[in-house]
Amino acid sequence: MSRTTAILAHPEFADMDRHFARFINGFGEGDLPAIAAAMLSRNMRHGHVCLDLRTGPPHFEESLPAFAWPELKMWRKGFAKSRAIGGPDEGRPLVLDDVGRFYLRRYWEYEKALGQGILMRCDGQTPANPGTGDLQNLAIETALARRFVIISGGPGTGKTTTILRILERMVSEPGGEKLRIALAAPTGKAAARLQETLRAGTENGAANSHPAKSASTLHRLLGSRRNSVYFRHDAKNPLPVDLVVVDEASMVPLTLMAKLFDALPKRARVILLGDRDQLSSVEPGAVLGDIANAACEPGPLNGSLVVLEKNYRFGNESSIFALSKAVRDGDVDRALEILNSGERPDLSVGSTPSRLQIAEQLRQRVVAGYSGYLQTPDPAEALRKFKKFRVLCPFRIGPYGVESLNQIIEKILREEGLISGTQNVYPGMPILVTQNDEPLRLYNGDIGILLPDPADSSLLLAWFTGEEGELRRIPPARLPEHEPAFAMTVHKSQGSEFDDVLLILSDKDSPLLTRELIYTGLTRARSRVELWFQEAVLRAAVSRKIQRGSGLKDRLGGARRSEEYRQLVFCLE
């Protein structure tokens, strides 16, 4: 058995990794190109943009058979005879850059384009003195002075309120009434939440005359095309905007962010809103984190980041706030101290049950959490009540994954007489859309409920809240791909908030359990959170920080980029 065959037989490679490796193997000699291709494919499935050949092998649960990681010069030598691999300027399908990062060419191009799109907006202006030292005022002055700004902060720190104040200031300046503003978010539910905040702000008199009347998904803003990765708006057909505000920017993958910047007029301003400590997108990249990290260092982006710290939702006595802060900071001892300090109104704890006991331990919580919406025939009221409680977990599969938990929860609710009907379609079934459908204006992450039509109880419809807050009804047969939504992964819950959250960690550690995941799960709760965990698992997770392979931060940060930045700005003048 050859070395390549032995390595590709490793169980942590998927079939697509093996197929890609064999395809690349046909373009040259030696086994290093095929091995690197398989590892790159696997890395991208795990959220990395590239494979860094300098840092040693990616993490595997089981060690690779008989493979000593070569030095970078040996990788370069091994790639020399492959027609599939070349440097950035050689036009080949795989790129090995100057420092040893290995990319699919299209992702190298996305990263390059996004870096250039950001740098051209970093004009280096210093914001005016905010006077009071208040971070919201600093964010406003920074946004007025710069063409590219990141405003980061956890839930309740006033990010969207700050945006309303920024828009109010912008439109009050001479010519501001003509400002073309687009507000967008990566998912339908995030866009709907942004729209709700805008509506509440304008009702309270803030930014009452700003031209942006609604928020949309990024896909809708760019103009999705059915069965195509391309959008109607691009460099040749730019968006008619002067300012774009992107909420929940931590969820935006590299590919979508690069396409947004490609579709912007060169002089358009950009404000990214998000929580840099949250999970990154499911797709490859950690765009907001990379940009924020670059802005913390000397270089063109320095001064473009404002981090809001004051929390207006949680008081100083909030256990949710204290726990999420300890997890965010990686202080596992402080986190455990908070968790073990006794029952509090907003925080309770439990041990992760055994796989045989999980159904009985769930019963009381899910009956209390879901009976309210299940006993409500009015679709709008049911949708509102369904937001009150949610079960969250890190994984899709396994005994503590959403597929298993949704089955268990549905069985409990049937036994309690709260739902009835067929297994696949029944009144009260909550659904999570998993595929974009532009004609229906349904997007990955949207949540609806199957309920009878109040005017015809024999007609079962899927009900959703639209981007303008309106009630939408769609026949179940027309729905795009979807799944039950009693339990959701923490990733899918991003952009949502619930009054009460039950966060269930598995009974065993996994590389997927990280401080970002736990922080994101905890901060989905507005009023109360319950955490089921084992101490050893929590310790390992809070000590583990996500590190995604990417070259974006290096493209944006540091003095060594200054000359490229100056040349770019000069070319655009």
Protein backbone atom coordinates (compact mmCIF):
# COMPACT_ATOMS: atom_id res chain seq x y z
CA MET A 1 0.00 0.00 0.00
CA SER A 2 1.46 3.39 -0.98
CA ARG A 3 1.85 6.20 1.52
CA THR A 4 -0.89 8.19 -0.22
CA THR A 5 -3.34 5.28 -0.14
CA ALA A 6 -2.61 4.59 3.53
CA ILE A 7 -3.15 8.21 4.52
CA LEU A 8 -6.33 8.65 2.45
CA ALA A 9 -7.77 5.57 4.16
CA HIS A 10 -7.79 7.52 7.44
CA PRO A 11 -11.42 7.60 8.69
CA GLU A 12 -11.42 11.38 9.25
CA PHE A 13 -11.12 12.04 5.53
CA ALA A 14 -14.46 12.20 3.71
CA ASP A 15 -15.10 10.75 0.25
CA MET A 16 -14.95 14.24 -1.25
CA ASP A 17 -11.45 14.71 0.24
CA ARG A 18 -10.27 11.45 -1.30
CA HIS A 19 -11.81 12.20 -4.70
CA PHE A 20 -10.18 15.61 -4.77
CA ALA A 21 -6.79 14.13 -3.82
CA ARG A 22 -7.00 11.53 -6.60
CA PHE A 23 -7.98 14.22 -9.09
CA ILE A 24 -4.94 16.34 -8.15
CA ASN A 25 -2.75 13.25 -8.25
CA GLY A 26 -3.35 13.04 -11.99
CA PHE A 27 -1.55 16.34 -12.62
CA GLY A 28 1.96 15.34 -11.62
CA GLU A 29 4.35 13.09 -9.78
CA GLY A 30 4.86 12.22 -6.12
CA ASP A 31 2.43 11.83 -3.26
CA LEU A 32 2.72 15.22 -1.49
CA PRO A 33 0.32 17.06 -3.85
CA ALA A 34 -2.43 14.47 -3.26
CA ILE A 35 -1.86 14.41 0.51
CA ALA A 36 -1.93 18.21 0.71
CA ALA A 37 -5.07 18.35 -1.44
CA ALA A 38 -6.89 15.91 0.85
CA MET A 39 -5.87 17.88 3.92
CA LEU A 40 -6.91 21.17 2.32
CA SER A 41 -10.33 19.75 1.44
CA ARG A 42 -10.78 18.47 5.00
CA ASN A 43 -9.58 21.79 6.42
CA MET A 44 -12.17 23.67 4.40
CA ARG A 45 -14.92 21.40 5.68
CA HIS A 46 -13.79 22.47 9.15
CA GLY A 47 -14.04 26.17 8.34
CA HIS A 48 -10.48 27.01 7.32
CA VAL A 49 -9.80 29.02 4.18
CA CYS A 50 -6.41 27.42 3.61
CA LEU A 51 -3.91 24.83 4.88
CA ASP A 52 -0.86 26.36 6.54
CA LEU A 53 2.01 24.06 5.66
CA ARG A 54 4.36 25.82 8.09
CA THR A 55 2.57 24.89 11.29
CA GLY A 56 2.48 21.10 11.18
CA PRO A 57 -0.43 18.78 10.48
CA PRO A 58 -4.03 19.73 11.26
CA HIS A 59 -5.55 18.12 14.33
CA PHE A 60 -6.69 14.53 13.87
CA GLU A 61 -8.40 12.47 16.56
CA GLU A 62 -6.28 9.52 15.44
CA SER A 63 -2.73 10.08 14.24
CA LEU A 64 -1.96 9.74 10.55
CA PRO A 65 -0.26 6.46 9.58
CA ALA A 66 3.49 6.68 8.93
CA PHE A 67 3.59 10.33 7.92
CA ALA A 68 6.22 12.73 9.27
CA TRP A 69 5.23 16.32 8.47
CA PRO A 70 7.73 17.75 5.95
CA GLU A 71 9.39 21.13 6.27
CA LEU A 72 8.03 23.83 3.95
CA LYS A 73 10.97 23.50 1.54
CA MET A 74 10.12 19.80 1.10
CA TRP A 75 6.48 20.66 0.34
CA ARG A 76 7.66 23.13 -2.29
CA LYS A 77 9.98 20.53 -3.80
CA GLY A 78 7.17 17.96 -3.81
CA PHE A 79 4.82 20.38 -5.59
CA ALA A 80 7.37 21.39 -8.25
CA LYS A 81 6.29 18.77 -10.79
CA SER A 82 2.54 19.21 -10.30
CA ARG A 83 0.71 21.11 -13.03
CA ALA A 84 -2.14 21.76 -10.57
CA ILE A 85 -0.12 23.79 -8.06
CA GLY A 86 1.59 27.12 -8.53
CA GLY A 87 2.29 30.51 -7.06
CA PRO A 88 -0.30 33.30 -6.80
CA ASP A 89 0.41 34.59 -10.31
CA GLU A 90 0.55 31.27 -12.17
CA GLY A 91 -3.18 30.76 -12.66
CA ARG A 92 -3.25 27.15 -11.48
CA PRO A 93 -6.17 25.65 -9.53
CA LEU A 94 -4.18 25.35 -6.27
CA VAL A 95 -2.09 28.21 -4.87
CA LEU A 96 0.92 28.01 -2.57
CA ASP A 97 1.59 31.55 -1.43
CA ASP A 98 4.93 33.10 -0.52
CA VAL A 99 4.76 32.17 3.17
CA GLY A 100 3.44 28.62 2.86
CA ARG A 101 -0.35 28.86 2.89
CA PHE A 102 -2.06 26.42 0.51
CA TYR A 103 -5.37 27.47 -1.10
CA LEU A 104 -7.96 26.59 -3.65
CA ARG A 105 -7.42 29.38 -6.17
CA ARG A 106 -10.94 30.77 -5.95
CA TYR A 107 -10.58 31.19 -2.17
CA TRP A 108 -7.22 32.87 -2.60
CA GLU A 109 -8.92 35.23 -5.06
CA TYR A 110 -11.81 35.89 -2.64
CA GLU A 111 -9.37 36.71 0.14
CA LYS A 112 -7.31 38.98 -2.09
CA ALA A 113 -10.40 40.83 -3.41
CA LEU A 114 -11.85 41.34 0.06
CA GLY A 115 -8.54 42.61 1.40
CA GLN A 116 -8.28 45.13 -1.44
CA GLY A 117 -11.91 46.20 -1.01
CA ILE A 118 -11.31 46.97 2.66
CA LEU A 119 -7.92 48.64 2.22
CA MET A 120 -9.19 51.06 -0.41
CA ARG A 121 -11.65 52.40 2.19
CA CYS A 122 -9.05 52.89 4.93
CA ASP A 123 -8.26 56.53 4.30
CA GLY A 124 -6.54 56.95 7.64
CA GLN A 125 -8.67 59.86 8.90
CA THR A 126 -8.73 60.31 12.65
CA PRO A 127 -12.20 60.60 14.21
CA ALA A 128 -13.14 63.78 15.99
CA ASN A 129 -12.82 63.84 19.78
CA PRO A 130 -16.06 62.32 21.14
CA GLY A 131 -15.73 64.53 24.22
CA THR A 132 -17.30 62.37 26.90
CA GLY A 133 -15.19 59.29 26.29
CA ASP A 134 -18.39 57.32 25.75
CA LEU A 135 -17.77 54.36 23.40
CA GLN A 136 -21.05 54.87 21.55
CA ASN A 137 -20.04 58.45 20.80
CA LEU A 138 -16.62 57.22 19.68
CA ALA A 139 -18.31 54.73 17.34
CA ILE A 140 -20.47 57.51 15.87
CA GLU A 141 -17.54 59.85 15.31
CA THR A 142 -15.46 57.04 13.82
CA ALA A 143 -18.24 56.12 11.40
CA LEU A 144 -18.58 59.74 10.32
CA ALA A 145 -14.84 60.12 9.75
CA ARG A 146 -13.99 56.82 8.04
CA ARG A 147 -15.25 54.89 5.04
CA PHE A 148 -14.75 51.52 6.74
CA VAL A 149 -15.69 50.82 10.38
CA ILE A 150 -16.23 47.76 12.57
CA ILE A 151 -18.51 48.13 15.62
CA SER A 152 -18.25 45.06 17.83
CA GLY A 153 -19.95 44.16 21.07
CA GLY A 154 -21.95 41.44 22.76
CA PRO A 155 -25.75 41.29 22.92
CA GLY A 156 -27.21 44.25 24.76
CA THR A 157 -24.27 46.61 24.19
CA GLY A 158 -26.25 48.91 21.91
CA LYS A 159 -24.83 48.15 18.46
CA THR A 160 -28.06 48.72 16.55
CA THR A 161 -28.98 51.73 18.69
CA THR A 162 -25.59 53.17 17.78
CA ILE A 163 -26.35 52.61 14.09
CA LEU A 164 -29.60 54.54 14.43
CA ARG A 165 -27.68 57.46 15.92
CA ILE A 166 -25.07 57.24 13.15
CA LEU A 167 -27.75 57.36 10.46
CA GLU A 168 -29.44 60.27 12.18
CA ARG A 169 -26.16 62.21 12.16
CA MET A 170 -25.37 61.32 8.54
CA VAL A 171 -28.71 62.38 7.12
CA SER A 172 -28.68 65.62 9.10
CA GLU A 173 -25.50 66.78 7.36
CA PRO A 174 -25.73 68.86 4.13
CA GLY A 175 -26.82 66.56 1.30
CA GLY A 176 -27.56 63.75 3.76
CA GLU A 177 -31.17 63.47 2.63
CA LYS A 178 -29.87 62.05 -0.67
CA LEU A 179 -27.72 59.40 0.99
CA ARG A 180 -28.46 55.94 -0.42
CA ILE A 181 -28.31 53.49 2.50
CA ALA A 182 -28.64 49.69 2.51
CA LEU A 183 -29.08 47.69 5.70
CA ALA A 184 -28.45 43.96 5.45
CA ALA A 185 -27.77 40.81 7.44
CA PRO A 186 -26.70 37.29 6.46
CA THR A 187 -29.97 35.54 7.35
CA GLY A 188 -33.65 36.31 7.18
CA LYS A 189 -34.10 36.17 10.94
CA ALA A 190 -31.14 38.51 11.51
CA ALA A 191 -32.56 40.93 8.93
CA ALA A 192 -35.96 40.73 10.64
CA ARG A 193 -34.40 41.52 14.03
CA LEU A 194 -32.54 44.48 12.54
CA GLN A 195 -35.81 45.65 10.99
CA GLU A 196 -37.58 45.35 14.37
CA THR A 197 -34.88 47.50 16.00
CA LEU A 198 -35.17 50.10 13.24
CA ARG A 199 -38.91 50.21 13.64
CA ALA A 200 -38.67 50.57 17.42
CA GLY A 201 -36.03 53.29 17.06
CA THR A 202 -38.04 55.35 14.59
CA GLU A 203 -41.15 55.02 16.76
CA ASN A 204 -39.11 56.45 19.63
CA GLY A 205 -38.01 59.37 17.44
CA ALA A 206 -34.46 58.25 16.57
CA ALA A 207 -33.24 58.56 12.97
CA ASN A 208 -36.80 59.35 12.01
CA SER A 209 -35.91 60.57 8.55
CA HIS A 210 -33.11 58.24 7.51
CA PRO A 211 -33.56 56.94 3.96
CA ALA A 212 -33.08 53.23 4.83
CA LYS A 213 -36.63 52.07 5.46
CA SER A 214 -35.98 48.34 5.69
CA ALA A 215 -33.33 45.67 6.13
CA SER A 216 -32.80 42.71 3.82
CA THR A 217 -30.68 39.63 3.56
CA LEU A 218 -27.33 40.02 1.83
CA HIS A 219 -28.49 37.54 -0.81
CA ARG A 220 -31.55 39.64 -1.55
CA LEU A 221 -29.53 42.87 -1.57
CA LEU A 222 -27.03 41.44 -4.06
CA GLY A 223 -29.73 39.81 -6.18
CA SER A 224 -29.66 36.03 -5.96
CA ARG A 225 -29.91 33.99 -9.12
CA ARG A 226 -31.57 30.60 -8.97
CA ASN A 227 -29.08 27.71 -9.14
CA SER A 228 -26.14 30.09 -9.46
CA VAL A 229 -23.30 31.21 -7.18
CA TYR A 230 -23.29 34.58 -8.94
CA PHE A 231 -25.40 37.64 -8.12
CA ARG A 232 -27.02 40.30 -10.28
CA HIS A 233 -24.86 42.95 -8.63
CA ASP A 234 -21.10 42.72 -9.08
CA ALA A 235 -18.20 44.94 -10.19
CA LYS A 236 -19.83 45.45 -13.61
CA ASN A 237 -23.27 46.17 -12.13
CA PRO A 238 -22.58 47.77 -8.74
CA LEU A 239 -25.15 48.37 -6.06
CA PRO A 240 -26.71 51.87 -6.12
CA VAL A 241 -25.57 52.68 -2.57
CA ASP A 242 -23.44 55.19 -0.68
CA LEU A 243 -23.43 53.25 2.60
CA VAL A 244 -23.93 49.61 3.49
CA VAL A 245 -24.47 48.46 7.08
CA VAL A 246 -24.04 44.72 7.67
CA ASP A 247 -25.44 43.38 10.94
CA GLU A 248 -24.38 40.00 12.44
CA ALA A 249 -21.19 40.25 10.39
CA SER A 250 -19.55 37.40 12.31
CA MET A 251 -21.88 35.04 10.44
CA VAL A 252 -20.85 36.22 6.97
CA PRO A 253 -18.46 33.80 5.22
CA LEU A 254 -15.49 34.88 3.14
CA THR A 255 -17.23 34.12 -0.17
CA LEU A 256 -20.29 36.30 0.54
CA MET A 257 -18.33 39.17 2.07
CA ALA A 258 -15.97 39.22 -0.94
CA LYS A 259 -18.95 39.33 -3.33
CA LEU A 260 -20.52 42.17 -1.35
CA PHE A 261 -17.35 44.28 -1.58
CA ASP A 262 -17.02 43.40 -5.27
CA ALA A 263 -20.50 44.84 -5.86
CA LEU A 264 -19.89 48.13 -4.04
CA PRO A 265 -19.07 51.40 -5.76
CA LYS A 266 -15.47 52.34 -4.96
CA ARG A 267 -16.51 55.29 -2.81
CA ALA A 268 -19.25 53.50 -0.89
CA ARG A 269 -18.82 53.36 2.88
CA VAL A 270 -19.17 50.15 4.92
CA ILE A 271 -20.05 49.58 8.57
CA LEU A 272 -19.80 46.04 9.94
CA LEU A 273 -21.77 45.26 13.11
CA GLY A 274 -21.19 42.08 15.05
CA ASP A 275 -19.68 40.30 18.00
CA ARG A 276 -16.09 39.36 17.28
CA ASP A 277 -16.19 36.81 20.13
CA GLN A 278 -19.06 34.80 18.61
CA LEU A 279 -18.76 31.76 16.42
CA SER A 280 -17.70 32.42 12.86
CA SER A 281 -19.68 31.35 9.82
CA VAL A 282 -20.33 27.68 9.12
CA GLU A 283 -18.60 28.13 5.75
CA PRO A 284 -14.84 28.76 5.49
CA GLY A 285 -13.44 31.90 7.06
CA ALA A 286 -13.49 33.98 10.23
CA VAL A 287 -13.89 37.29 8.44
CA LEU A 288 -15.01 39.59 11.26
CA GLY A 289 -12.43 38.18 13.66
CA ASP A 290 -9.62 38.54 11.11
CA ILE A 291 -10.60 42.12 10.33
CA ALA A 292 -10.97 43.07 14.00
CA ASN A 293 -7.60 41.53 14.84
CA ALA A 294 -5.95 43.45 12.01
CA ALA A 295 -7.54 46.68 13.28
CA CYS A 296 -5.92 46.12 16.70
CA GLU A 297 -2.42 46.33 15.21
CA PRO A 298 -0.42 49.17 13.62
CA GLY A 299 -1.45 49.48 10.01
CA PRO A 300 -4.13 50.87 7.67
CA LEU A 301 -7.07 49.52 9.74
CA ASN A 302 -5.87 50.80 13.09
CA GLY A 303 -8.60 52.98 14.57
CA SER A 304 -11.38 51.44 12.47
CA LEU A 305 -12.58 49.15 15.30
CA VAL A 306 -14.75 50.27 18.22
CA VAL A 307 -15.68 47.65 20.83
CA LEU A 308 -18.77 48.48 22.89
CA GLU A 309 -18.40 47.19 26.45
CA LYS A 310 -21.27 48.62 28.51
CA ASN A 311 -24.19 46.20 28.64
CA TYR A 312 -27.65 47.79 28.69
CA ARG A 313 -29.59 44.51 28.83
CA PHE A 314 -27.97 42.77 31.77
CA GLY A 315 -27.34 44.52 35.08
CA ASN A 316 -24.21 44.17 37.17
CA GLU A 317 -25.88 41.33 39.09
CA SER A 318 -26.64 39.29 35.97
CA SER A 319 -25.23 35.78 36.14
CA ILE A 320 -25.64 35.37 32.36
CA PHE A 321 -23.46 38.42 31.77
CA ALA A 322 -20.82 37.32 34.30
CA LEU A 323 -20.70 33.76 32.99
CA SER A 324 -20.55 34.71 29.30
CA LYS A 325 -17.77 37.22 30.07
CA ALA A 326 -15.74 34.57 31.93
CA VAL A 327 -16.19 32.12 29.04
CA ARG A 328 -15.30 34.79 26.48
CA ASP A 329 -12.10 35.56 28.37
CA GLY A 330 -11.19 31.88 28.73
CA ASP A 331 -11.38 32.09 32.55
CA VAL A 332 -12.68 28.60 33.24
CA ASP A 333 -12.16 28.79 37.02
CA ARG A 334 -14.29 31.94 37.20
CA ALA A 335 -16.92 30.32 34.98
CA LEU A 336 -17.11 27.26 37.26
CA GLU A 337 -17.24 29.50 40.34
CA ILE A 338 -20.31 31.24 38.89
CA LEU A 339 -21.93 27.96 37.87
CA ASN A 340 -21.36 26.37 41.30
CA SER A 341 -22.48 29.39 43.33
CA GLY A 342 -26.07 28.23 43.71
CA GLU A 343 -29.38 28.69 41.91
CA ARG A 344 -30.05 32.20 40.61
CA PRO A 345 -33.13 33.60 38.85
CA ASP A 346 -31.37 33.89 35.49
CA LEU A 347 -28.99 30.91 35.63
CA SER A 348 -29.38 27.26 36.54
CA VAL A 349 -27.20 24.23 35.95
CA GLY A 350 -27.44 20.50 35.57
CA SER A 351 -25.21 17.58 34.75
CA THR A 352 -25.32 16.25 31.21
CA PRO A 353 -27.51 13.14 31.62
CA SER A 354 -26.63 9.71 30.34
CA ARG A 355 -27.90 8.80 26.92
CA LEU A 356 -30.61 6.64 28.50
CA GLN A 357 -31.77 9.37 30.90
CA ILE A 358 -31.83 12.39 28.61
CA ALA A 359 -35.49 12.00 27.60
CA GLU A 360 -36.78 12.02 31.18
CA GLN A 361 -34.51 14.92 32.16
CA LEU A 362 -35.82 16.89 29.17
CA ARG A 363 -39.50 16.20 29.75
CA GLN A 364 -40.34 18.92 32.27
CA ARG A 365 -38.30 21.61 30.52
CA VAL A 366 -39.70 21.07 27.02
CA VAL A 367 -43.29 20.73 28.17
CA ALA A 368 -43.01 24.00 30.09
CA GLY A 369 -41.11 25.67 27.27
CA TYR A 370 -43.24 24.62 24.29
CA SER A 371 -46.79 24.09 25.62
CA GLY A 372 -47.59 27.81 25.35
CA TYR A 373 -47.13 28.09 21.58
CA LEU A 374 -48.59 24.62 20.93
CA GLN A 375 -51.85 25.64 22.63
CA THR A 376 -52.10 28.85 20.57
CA PRO A 377 -54.12 28.59 17.31
CA ASP A 378 -53.29 32.10 16.10
CA PRO A 379 -50.18 31.90 13.84
CA ALA A 380 -48.76 35.32 14.72
CA GLU A 381 -49.12 34.69 18.44
CA ALA A 382 -47.70 31.17 18.11
CA LEU A 383 -44.62 32.51 16.31
CA ARG A 384 -44.15 35.09 19.05
CA LYS A 385 -44.48 32.51 21.83
CA PHE A 386 -42.15 30.07 20.09
CA LYS A 387 -39.34 32.62 20.52
CA LYS A 388 -39.61 32.32 24.30
CA PHE A 389 -37.71 29.03 24.68
CA ARG A 390 -35.19 27.00 22.72
CA VAL A 391 -33.00 23.93 23.24
CA LEU A 392 -29.48 24.48 21.88
CA CYS A 393 -26.62 22.03 21.44
CA PRO A 394 -23.23 21.98 19.68
CA PHE A 395 -23.74 19.11 17.23
CA ARG A 396 -26.06 17.85 14.52
CA ILE A 397 -25.55 14.13 15.03
CA GLY A 398 -25.00 11.86 18.02
CA PRO A 399 -27.08 11.36 21.19
CA TYR A 400 -26.70 15.04 22.14
CA GLY A 401 -27.14 16.37 18.60
CA VAL A 402 -30.16 18.15 17.16
CA GLU A 403 -31.31 15.22 15.04
CA SER A 404 -31.62 12.98 18.10
CA LEU A 405 -32.94 15.71 20.42
CA ASN A 406 -35.66 16.78 17.97
CA GLN A 407 -36.90 13.19 17.82
CA ILE A 408 -36.85 12.90 21.61
CA ILE A 409 -38.65 16.22 22.12
CA GLU A 410 -41.31 15.39 19.54
CA LYS A 411 -41.90 12.02 21.24
CA ILE A 412 -42.27 13.73 24.64
CA LEU A 413 -44.77 16.27 23.28
CA ARG A 414 -46.78 13.50 21.62
CA GLU A 415 -46.88 11.55 24.86
CA GLU A 416 -48.08 14.67 26.66
CA GLY A 417 -50.85 15.17 24.09
CA LEU A 418 -49.48 18.50 22.87
CA ILE A 419 -48.99 17.41 19.25
CA SER A 420 -50.63 14.80 17.06
CA GLY A 421 -50.72 13.84 13.41
CA THR A 422 -48.26 12.25 11.01
CA GLN A 423 -44.55 12.11 11.79
CA ASN A 424 -43.42 14.42 8.98
CA VAL A 425 -46.15 17.09 8.83
CA TYR A 426 -48.37 18.02 11.76
CA PRO A 427 -49.98 21.11 13.33
CA GLY A 428 -47.54 22.87 15.61
CA MET A 429 -44.41 21.54 13.92
CA PRO A 430 -41.65 24.19 14.07
CA ILE A 431 -39.43 24.23 10.99
CA LEU A 432 -35.98 25.62 10.29
CA VAL A 433 -35.30 26.44 6.63
CA THR A 434 -31.92 25.03 5.53
CA GLN A 435 -31.82 26.19 1.89
CA ASN A 436 -32.26 29.61 0.31
CA ASP A 437 -35.28 30.07 -1.94
CA GLU A 438 -35.22 33.55 -3.46
CA PRO A 439 -38.62 33.39 -5.24
CA LEU A 440 -40.29 32.49 -1.93
CA ARG A 441 -38.06 34.92 -0.03
CA LEU A 442 -37.13 32.17 2.40
CA TYR A 443 -33.53 31.82 3.50
CA ASN A 444 -31.31 29.42 5.39
CA GLY A 445 -32.03 29.99 9.09
CA ASP A 446 -35.63 31.23 8.78
CA ILE A 447 -38.03 29.69 11.31
CA GLY A 448 -41.73 28.99 10.78
CA ILE A 449 -44.54 26.91 12.24
CA LEU A 450 -47.05 24.59 10.54
CA LEU A 451 -50.57 25.55 11.65
CA PRO A 452 -54.08 25.36 10.18
CA ASP A 453 -55.42 28.33 8.27
CA PRO A 454 -57.72 30.20 10.73
CA ALA A 455 -60.21 30.62 7.87
CA ASP A 456 -60.10 26.91 6.89
CA SER A 457 -59.00 24.48 9.59
CA SER A 458 -58.55 21.70 7.02
CA LEU A 459 -55.74 23.62 5.31
CA LEU A 460 -52.30 23.26 6.93
CA LEU A 461 -49.87 26.09 6.10
CA ALA A 462 -46.33 27.10 7.03
CA TRP A 463 -46.36 30.50 8.75
CA PHE A 464 -43.38 32.87 8.86
CA THR A 465 -42.72 36.44 9.98
CA GLY A 466 -41.56 38.49 7.00
CA GLU A 467 -38.75 41.05 6.89
CA GLU A 468 -41.28 43.86 7.35
CA GLY A 469 -42.88 42.11 10.33
CA GLU A 470 -45.83 40.89 8.25
CA LEU A 471 -47.30 37.39 8.59
CA ARG A 472 -46.52 35.13 5.62
CA ARG A 473 -48.18 31.80 4.72
CA ILE A 474 -46.77 29.17 2.40
CA PRO A 475 -48.11 25.72 1.44
CA PRO A 476 -45.87 23.01 2.98
CA ALA A 477 -45.38 21.36 -0.43
CA ARG A 478 -43.64 24.51 -1.71
CA LEU A 479 -41.16 24.81 1.15
CA PRO A 480 -37.43 24.50 0.44
CA GLU A 481 -35.41 21.99 2.45
CA HIS A 482 -36.12 22.27 6.16
CA GLU A 483 -35.88 20.38 9.45
CA PRO A 484 -37.60 20.39 12.87
CA ALA A 485 -36.62 23.29 15.11
CA PHE A 486 -37.39 22.24 18.69
CA ALA A 487 -33.62 21.88 19.12
CA MET A 488 -31.08 23.88 17.12
CA THR A 489 -27.33 23.90 16.83
CA VAL A 490 -25.64 26.89 18.40
CA HIS A 491 -24.40 27.80 14.91
CA LYS A 492 -27.95 27.95 13.55
CA SER A 493 -29.11 30.00 16.53
CA GLN A 494 -26.81 32.91 15.68
CA GLY A 495 -28.79 36.02 14.87
CA SER A 496 -31.61 34.86 17.19
CA GLU A 497 -32.44 35.57 20.82
CA PHE A 498 -34.78 33.69 23.14
CA ASP A 499 -36.16 34.55 26.57
CA ASP A 500 -35.09 31.17 27.98
CA VAL A 501 -32.34 28.87 26.68
CA LEU A 502 -31.41 25.30 27.59
CA LEU A 503 -27.82 24.69 26.40
CA ILE A 504 -26.81 21.01 26.44
CA LEU A 505 -23.15 20.07 26.16
CA SER A 506 -22.17 16.49 25.32
CA ASP A 507 -20.81 14.07 27.92
CA LYS A 508 -17.46 13.82 26.11
CA ASP A 509 -15.02 16.42 24.84
CA SER A 510 -14.73 17.24 21.14
CA PRO A 511 -12.59 19.66 19.11
CA LEU A 512 -15.85 21.32 18.06
CA LEU A 513 -16.49 22.42 21.65
CA THR A 514 -14.85 25.83 22.02
CA ARG A 515 -15.21 28.94 24.15
CA GLU A 516 -16.75 30.75 21.16
CA LEU A 517 -19.45 28.11 20.85
CA ILE A 518 -20.35 28.20 24.55
CA TYR A 519 -20.24 32.01 24.63
CA THR A 520 -22.54 32.17 21.60
CA GLY A 521 -24.99 29.69 23.13
CA LEU A 522 -25.13 31.53 26.46
CA THR A 523 -25.65 34.92 24.86
CA ARG A 524 -28.71 33.74 22.90
CA ALA A 525 -30.64 34.10 26.20
CA ARG A 526 -32.39 37.34 27.07
CA SER A 527 -33.60 36.45 30.56
CA ARG A 528 -32.62 32.96 31.63
CA VAL A 529 -30.21 30.19 30.67
CA GLU A 530 -29.79 26.64 31.91
CA LEU A 531 -26.54 24.81 31.16
CA TRP A 532 -26.14 21.03 31.28
CA PHE A 533 -22.46 20.07 31.38
CA GLN A 534 -19.72 17.85 32.77
CA GLU A 535 -16.89 19.79 34.41
CA ALA A 536 -14.07 18.12 32.45
CA VAL A 537 -15.85 18.83 29.16
CA LEU A 538 -16.50 22.47 30.08
CA ARG A 539 -12.89 22.98 31.18
CA ALA A 540 -11.57 21.64 27.90
CA ALA A 541 -14.03 23.67 25.81
CA VAL A 542 -13.46 27.03 27.52
CA SER A 543 -9.70 26.49 27.23
CA ARG A 544 -10.01 25.87 23.48
CA LYS A 545 -10.12 28.87 21.14
CA ILE A 546 -11.03 28.62 17.46
CA GLN A 547 -8.08 29.15 15.15
CA ARG A 548 -9.06 29.17 11.48
CA GLY A 549 -6.45 29.08 8.75
CA SER A 550 -6.59 32.33 6.78
CA GLY A 551 -4.33 34.97 5.28
CA LEU A 552 -6.81 37.86 5.54
CA LYS A 553 -5.36 39.39 8.72
CA ASP A 554 -1.89 39.50 7.16
CA ARG A 555 -3.31 41.15 4.04
CA LEU A 556 -4.86 43.88 6.17
CA GLY A 557 -2.54 44.47 9.09
CA GLY A 558 0.90 45.56 10.06
CA ALA A 559 3.46 48.04 8.86
CA ARG A 560 4.70 45.63 6.24
CA ARG A 561 1.39 46.19 4.37
CA SER A 562 1.67 49.97 4.43
CA GLU A 563 3.47 50.35 1.09
CA GLU A 564 0.90 48.14 -0.70
CA TYR A 565 -1.85 50.16 0.96
CA ARG A 566 -0.34 53.50 -0.14
CA GLN A 567 0.04 52.25 -3.70
CA LEU A 568 -3.57 51.06 -3.75
CA VAL A 569 -4.94 54.37 -2.48
CA PHE A 570 -2.77 56.27 -4.98
CA CYS A 571 -4.19 54.19 -7.85
CA LEU A 572 -7.75 54.98 -6.79
CA GLU A 573 -7.32 58.75 -6.52
